[in-house]
């Protein structure tokens, strides 16, 4: 992922999702708070561009109400209204996965599409829904944006039979995560 992707994901996970979980109608994000929490150095323009752009608003399902403060810097405030009840579609999920990871490495019938991650692992998009379901091996710290629920599967638990072999979780040490946007 790019630095901008990391910033958007961090802002979503630490400001948007908690506000949405508390059913708050809006949230304000200060660029300096994101910059400090991520331990960035001289990256205020990157933070402001990532959070203030239309891509973040679309991804997080928010609307930018106002931006106050300087053009770039620690004291730029972004006030968003949270769009309630907006679910990610399978087409949106597929487009985002292709944007991040390129073309799918494998289509498994009409139900599952696999993508290769930079670390050699795979994730799979279940092409049925709603809700959108993304399957991947349990990798700590790797969570896609716009996720409302994470389900962990033990090797002996059932899962989609069309998953790529790597994601079938037949090893006793294997744990699989299913990310669901509801």
C-alpha atoms as a PDB file:
ATOM      1  CA  UNK A   1       0.000   0.000   0.000  1.00  0.00           C
ATOM      2  CA  UNK A   2       1.087   3.567  -0.579  1.00  0.00           C
ATOM      3  CA  UNK A   3       1.598   6.122   2.178  1.00  0.00           C
ATOM      4  CA  UNK A   4      -1.707   7.735   1.188  1.00  0.00           C
ATOM      5  CA  UNK A   5      -3.480   4.351   1.524  1.00  0.00           C
ATOM      6  CA  UNK A   6      -1.907   3.876   4.954  1.00  0.00           C
ATOM      7  CA  UNK A   7      -3.052   7.349   6.060  1.00  0.00           C
ATOM      8  CA  UNK A   8      -6.601   6.806   4.779  1.00  0.00           C
ATOM      9  CA  UNK A   9      -6.830   3.406   6.454  1.00  0.00           C
ATOM     10  CA  UNK A  10      -5.453   4.801   9.721  1.00  0.00           C
ATOM     11  CA  UNK A  11      -7.866   7.750   9.697  1.00  0.00           C
ATOM     12  CA  UNK A  12     -10.777   5.456   8.945  1.00  0.00           C
ATOM     13  CA  UNK A  13      -9.891   2.917  11.653  1.00  0.00           C
ATOM     14  CA  UNK A  14      -9.144   5.527  14.340  1.00  0.00           C
ATOM     15  CA  UNK A  15     -11.691   8.293  13.663  1.00  0.00           C
ATOM     16  CA  UNK A  16     -14.435   7.320  11.206  1.00  0.00           C
ATOM     17  CA  UNK A  17     -15.173   3.774  12.365  1.00  0.00           C
ATOM     18  CA  UNK A  18     -15.244   4.631  16.111  1.00  0.00           C
ATOM     19  CA  UNK A  19     -17.539   7.588  15.425  1.00  0.00           C
ATOM     20  CA  UNK A  20     -19.805   5.404  13.310  1.00  0.00           C
ATOM     21  CA  UNK A  21     -19.790   2.702  15.999  1.00  0.00           C
ATOM     22  CA  UNK A  22     -21.007   5.329  18.502  1.00  0.00           C
ATOM     23  CA  UNK A  23     -23.685   6.477  16.014  1.00  0.00           C
ATOM     24  CA  UNK A  24     -22.226   9.983  15.953  1.00  0.00           C
ATOM     25  CA  UNK A  25     -23.541  12.087  13.058  1.00  0.00           C
ATOM     26  CA  UNK A  26     -20.170  13.703  12.312  1.00  0.00           C
ATOM     27  CA  UNK A  27     -16.498  13.595  13.187  1.00  0.00           C
ATOM     28  CA  UNK A  28     -13.591  16.041  13.006  1.00  0.00           C
ATOM     29  CA  UNK A  29     -10.058  14.895  12.201  1.00  0.00           C
ATOM     30  CA  UNK A  30      -7.041  17.130  12.901  1.00  0.00           C
ATOM     31  CA  UNK A  31      -4.156  16.482  10.495  1.00  0.00           C
ATOM     32  CA  UNK A  32      -1.604  16.893  13.283  1.00  0.00           C
ATOM     33  CA  UNK A  33      -3.245  14.149  15.338  1.00  0.00           C
ATOM     34  CA  UNK A  34      -2.999  11.699  12.441  1.00  0.00           C
ATOM     35  CA  UNK A  35       0.588  12.753  11.705  1.00  0.00           C
ATOM     36  CA  UNK A  36       1.664  12.286  15.343  1.00  0.00           C
ATOM     37  CA  UNK A  37      -0.205   9.006  15.912  1.00  0.00           C
ATOM     38  CA  UNK A  38       1.376   7.499  12.778  1.00  0.00           C
ATOM     39  CA  UNK A  39       4.864   8.746  13.762  1.00  0.00           C
ATOM     40  CA  UNK A  40       5.258  10.520  10.430  1.00  0.00           C
ATOM     41  CA  UNK A  41       7.957  13.060   9.692  1.00  0.00           C
ATOM     42  CA  UNK A  42       7.316  16.163   7.573  1.00  0.00           C
ATOM     43  CA  UNK A  43       4.299  14.531   5.952  1.00  0.00           C
ATOM     44  CA  UNK A  44       1.558  17.096   6.624  1.00  0.00           C
ATOM     45  CA  UNK A  45       0.899  17.594   2.890  1.00  0.00           C
ATOM     46  CA  UNK A  46       0.450  13.823   2.456  1.00  0.00           C
ATOM     47  CA  UNK A  47      -1.910  13.656   5.449  1.00  0.00           C
ATOM     48  CA  UNK A  48      -3.984  16.609   4.232  1.00  0.00           C
ATOM     49  CA  UNK A  49      -4.201  15.294   0.674  1.00  0.00           C
ATOM     50  CA  UNK A  50      -5.106  11.762   1.766  1.00  0.00           C
ATOM     51  CA  UNK A  51      -7.820  12.803   4.220  1.00  0.00           C
ATOM     52  CA  UNK A  52      -9.155  15.787   2.306  1.00  0.00           C
ATOM     53  CA  UNK A  53      -9.550  14.054  -1.033  1.00  0.00           C
ATOM     54  CA  UNK A  54     -12.656  12.660  -2.674  1.00  0.00           C
ATOM     55  CA  UNK A  55     -11.141   9.175  -2.628  1.00  0.00           C
ATOM     56  CA  UNK A  56     -11.131   9.113   1.197  1.00  0.00           C
ATOM     57  CA  UNK A  57     -14.697  10.440   1.316  1.00  0.00           C
ATOM     58  CA  UNK A  58     -15.883   7.745  -1.111  1.00  0.00           C
ATOM     59  CA  UNK A  59     -13.932   4.995   0.622  1.00  0.00           C
ATOM     60  CA  UNK A  60     -15.051   5.942   4.137  1.00  0.00           C
ATOM     61  CA  UNK A  61     -18.611   6.774   3.053  1.00  0.00           C
ATOM     62  CA  UNK A  62     -18.401  10.277   4.498  1.00  0.00           C
ATOM     63  CA  UNK A  63     -19.009  13.786   3.198  1.00  0.00           C
ATOM     64  CA  UNK A  64     -16.516  16.571   3.874  1.00  0.00           C
ATOM     65  CA  UNK A  65     -18.527  19.404   5.433  1.00  0.00           C
ATOM     66  CA  UNK A  66     -15.641  21.799   5.942  1.00  0.00           C
ATOM     67  CA  UNK A  67     -11.898  22.113   6.002  1.00  0.00           C
ATOM     68  CA  UNK A  68     -10.531  24.794   8.316  1.00  0.00           C
ATOM     69  CA  UNK A  69      -7.051  26.086   9.055  1.00  0.00           C
ATOM     70  CA  UNK A  70      -4.129  26.528   6.690  1.00  0.00           C
ATOM     71  CA  UNK A  71      -3.898  24.702   3.352  1.00  0.00           C
ATOM     72  CA  UNK A  72      -1.510  22.155   4.876  1.00  0.00           C
ATOM     73  CA  UNK A  73      -0.125  21.614   8.352  1.00  0.00           C
ATOM     74  CA  UNK A  74      -0.848  20.254  11.810  1.00  0.00           C
ATOM     75  CA  UNK A  75      -3.822  22.532  12.431  1.00  0.00           C
ATOM     76  CA  UNK A  76      -5.893  21.599   9.422  1.00  0.00           C
ATOM     77  CA  UNK A  77      -9.280  20.298  10.599  1.00  0.00           C
ATOM     78  CA  UNK A  78     -11.535  18.129   8.449  1.00  0.00           C
ATOM     79  CA  UNK A  79     -15.176  17.891   9.558  1.00  0.00           C
ATOM     80  CA  UNK A  80     -17.097  14.984   8.042  1.00  0.00           C
ATOM     81  CA  UNK A  81     -20.707  13.892   8.193  1.00  0.00           C
ATOM     82  CA  UNK A  82     -21.049  10.127   8.414  1.00  0.00           C
ATOM     83  CA  UNK A  83     -23.285   8.529   5.825  1.00  0.00           C
ATOM     84  CA  UNK A  84     -25.371   5.990   7.718  1.00  0.00           C
ATOM     85  CA  UNK A  85     -26.388   2.641   6.339  1.00  0.00           C
ATOM     86  CA  UNK A  86     -24.097   2.740   3.305  1.00  0.00           C
ATOM     87  CA  UNK A  87     -22.751  -0.716   2.532  1.00  0.00           C
ATOM     88  CA  UNK A  88     -19.823  -1.553   0.318  1.00  0.00           C
ATOM     89  CA  UNK A  89     -20.897  -3.380  -2.834  1.00  0.00           C
ATOM     90  CA  UNK A  90     -19.088  -6.348  -4.348  1.00  0.00           C
ATOM     91  CA  UNK A  91     -18.233  -4.240  -7.414  1.00  0.00           C
ATOM     92  CA  UNK A  92     -16.718  -1.531  -5.163  1.00  0.00           C
ATOM     93  CA  UNK A  93     -14.739  -4.135  -3.221  1.00  0.00           C
ATOM     94  CA  UNK A  94     -13.431  -5.762  -6.432  1.00  0.00           C
ATOM     95  CA  UNK A  95     -12.435  -2.369  -7.867  1.00  0.00           C
ATOM     96  CA  UNK A  96     -10.573  -1.430  -4.678  1.00  0.00           C
ATOM     97  CA  UNK A  97      -8.760  -4.773  -4.540  1.00  0.00           C
ATOM     98  CA  UNK A  98      -7.734  -4.433  -8.195  1.00  0.00           C
ATOM     99  CA  UNK A  99      -6.533  -0.885  -7.555  1.00  0.00           C
ATOM    100  CA  UNK A 100      -4.402  -2.080  -4.646  1.00  0.00           C
ATOM    101  CA  UNK A 101      -3.178  -5.471  -5.884  1.00  0.00           C
ATOM    102  CA  UNK A 102      -3.623  -5.526  -9.658  1.00  0.00           C
ATOM    103  CA  UNK A 103      -5.472  -8.095 -11.685  1.00  0.00           C
ATOM    104  CA  UNK A 104      -6.766 -11.204  -9.912  1.00  0.00           C
ATOM    105  CA  UNK A 105      -4.416 -14.173  -9.866  1.00  0.00           C
ATOM    106  CA  UNK A 106      -7.218 -16.661  -9.987  1.00  0.00           C
ATOM    107  CA  UNK A 107     -10.933 -16.866 -10.609  1.00  0.00           C
ATOM    108  CA  UNK A 108     -12.551 -19.760  -8.798  1.00  0.00           C
ATOM    109  CA  UNK A 109     -15.774 -20.295 -10.674  1.00  0.00           C
ATOM    110  CA  UNK A 110     -18.269 -17.495 -10.369  1.00  0.00           C
ATOM    111  CA  UNK A 111     -18.059 -17.298  -6.577  1.00  0.00           C
ATOM    112  CA  UNK A 112     -14.496 -16.368  -5.583  1.00  0.00           C
ATOM    113  CA  UNK A 113     -11.720 -14.178  -7.031  1.00  0.00           C
ATOM    114  CA  UNK A 114      -8.199 -14.333  -5.530  1.00  0.00           C
ATOM    115  CA  UNK A 115      -5.627 -11.529  -5.361  1.00  0.00           C
ATOM    116  CA  UNK A 116      -1.904 -11.775  -4.579  1.00  0.00           C
ATOM    117  CA  UNK A 117      -0.556  -9.619  -1.753  1.00  0.00           C
ATOM    118  CA  UNK A 118       2.967  -8.140  -1.860  1.00  0.00           C
ATOM    119  CA  UNK A 119       4.060 -10.499   0.962  1.00  0.00           C
ATOM    120  CA  UNK A 120       3.230 -13.605  -1.120  1.00  0.00           C
ATOM    121  CA  UNK A 121      -0.048 -14.347   0.630  1.00  0.00           C
ATOM    122  CA  UNK A 122      -3.460 -14.203  -1.002  1.00  0.00           C
ATOM    123  CA  UNK A 123      -6.863 -12.838  -0.236  1.00  0.00           C
ATOM    124  CA  UNK A 124     -10.120 -13.803  -1.884  1.00  0.00           C
ATOM    125  CA  UNK A 125     -13.266 -11.849  -2.618  1.00  0.00           C
ATOM    126  CA  UNK A 126     -16.433 -13.877  -2.373  1.00  0.00           C
ATOM    127  CA  UNK A 127     -18.514 -12.830  -5.377  1.00  0.00           C
ATOM    128  CA  UNK A 128     -21.818 -13.413  -3.620  1.00  0.00           C
ATOM    129  CA  UNK A 129     -23.534 -11.071  -1.257  1.00  0.00           C
ATOM    130  CA  UNK A 130     -24.439  -8.856   0.324  1.00  0.00           C
ATOM    131  CA  UNK A 131     -22.612  -8.574   2.587  1.00  0.00           C
ATOM    132  CA  UNK A 132     -19.208  -8.311   0.940  1.00  0.00           C
ATOM    133  CA  UNK A 133     -16.892 -11.057   2.220  1.00  0.00           C
ATOM    134  CA  UNK A 134     -13.117 -10.929   1.910  1.00  0.00           C
ATOM    135  CA  UNK A 135     -11.145 -14.007   2.990  1.00  0.00           C
ATOM    136  CA  UNK A 136      -7.477 -13.991   3.943  1.00  0.00           C
ATOM    137  CA  UNK A 137      -4.938 -15.717   6.114  1.00  0.00           C
ATOM    138  CA  UNK A 138      -4.610 -14.348   9.623  1.00  0.00           C
ATOM    139  CA  UNK A 139      -1.941 -11.673   9.296  1.00  0.00           C
ATOM    140  CA  UNK A 140      -1.725  -9.389  12.313  1.00  0.00           C
ATOM    141  CA  UNK A 141      -2.087  -5.713  11.527  1.00  0.00           C
ATOM    142  CA  UNK A 142      -3.574  -6.194   8.057  1.00  0.00           C
ATOM    143  CA  UNK A 143      -7.173  -5.020   7.968  1.00  0.00           C
ATOM    144  CA  UNK A 144      -8.898  -3.609   4.919  1.00  0.00           C
ATOM    145  CA  UNK A 145     -10.730  -0.324   5.290  1.00  0.00           C
ATOM    146  CA  UNK A 146     -14.504  -0.160   5.684  1.00  0.00           C
ATOM    147  CA  UNK A 147     -14.730  -3.402   7.632  1.00  0.00           C
ATOM    148  CA  UNK A 148     -17.492  -3.776  10.202  1.00  0.00           C
ATOM    149  CA  UNK A 149     -16.915  -7.348  11.314  1.00  0.00           C
ATOM    150  CA  UNK A 150     -14.018  -9.814  11.391  1.00  0.00           C
ATOM    151  CA  UNK A 151     -14.704 -13.526  11.760  1.00  0.00           C
ATOM    152  CA  UNK A 152     -11.897 -15.955  12.604  1.00  0.00           C
ATOM    153  CA  UNK A 153     -12.136 -19.540  11.338  1.00  0.00           C
ATOM    154  CA  UNK A 154     -10.287 -22.487  12.844  1.00  0.00           C
ATOM    155  CA  UNK A 155      -8.939 -25.132  10.426  1.00  0.00           C
ATOM    156  CA  UNK A 156     -11.766 -27.535  11.223  1.00  0.00           C
ATOM    157  CA  UNK A 157     -14.508 -24.962  10.618  1.00  0.00           C
ATOM    158  CA  UNK A 158     -16.347 -24.804   7.308  1.00  0.00           C
ATOM    159  CA  UNK A 159     -15.783 -22.088   4.753  1.00  0.00           C
ATOM    160  CA  UNK A 160     -16.392 -21.387   1.079  1.00  0.00           C
ATOM    161  CA  UNK A 161     -15.306 -24.472  -0.888  1.00  0.00           C
ATOM    162  CA  UNK A 162     -14.140 -22.333  -3.838  1.00  0.00           C
ATOM    163  CA  UNK A 163     -11.359 -20.602  -1.902  1.00  0.00           C
ATOM    164  CA  UNK A 164      -7.837 -20.927  -3.340  1.00  0.00           C
ATOM    165  CA  UNK A 165      -5.882 -23.829  -1.809  1.00  0.00           C
ATOM    166  CA  UNK A 166      -3.748 -21.455   0.234  1.00  0.00           C
ATOM    167  CA  UNK A 167      -6.898 -20.131   1.951  1.00  0.00           C
ATOM    168  CA  UNK A 168      -8.611 -23.425   2.673  1.00  0.00           C
ATOM    169  CA  UNK A 169      -6.874 -23.558   6.060  1.00  0.00           C
ATOM    170  CA  UNK A 170      -6.241 -27.278   6.252  1.00  0.00           C
ATOM    171  CA  UNK A 171      -3.106 -26.911   8.390  1.00  0.00           C
ATOM    172  CA  UNK A 172      -3.618 -27.234  12.156  1.00  0.00           C
ATOM    173  CA  UNK A 173      -1.700 -23.963  12.611  1.00  0.00           C
ATOM    174  CA  UNK A 174      -3.780 -22.134  10.042  1.00  0.00           C
ATOM    175  CA  UNK A 175      -6.264 -19.456  10.996  1.00  0.00           C
ATOM    176  CA  UNK A 176      -8.343 -17.667   8.443  1.00  0.00           C
ATOM    177  CA  UNK A 177     -10.065 -14.319   8.738  1.00  0.00           C
ATOM    178  CA  UNK A 178     -13.220 -13.327   6.963  1.00  0.00           C
ATOM    179  CA  UNK A 179     -13.784  -9.594   6.738  1.00  0.00           C
ATOM    180  CA  UNK A 180     -17.389  -8.599   6.269  1.00  0.00           C
ATOM    181  CA  UNK A 181     -18.891  -5.221   5.450  1.00  0.00           C
ATOM    182  CA  UNK A 182     -22.542  -5.323   6.477  1.00  0.00           C
END
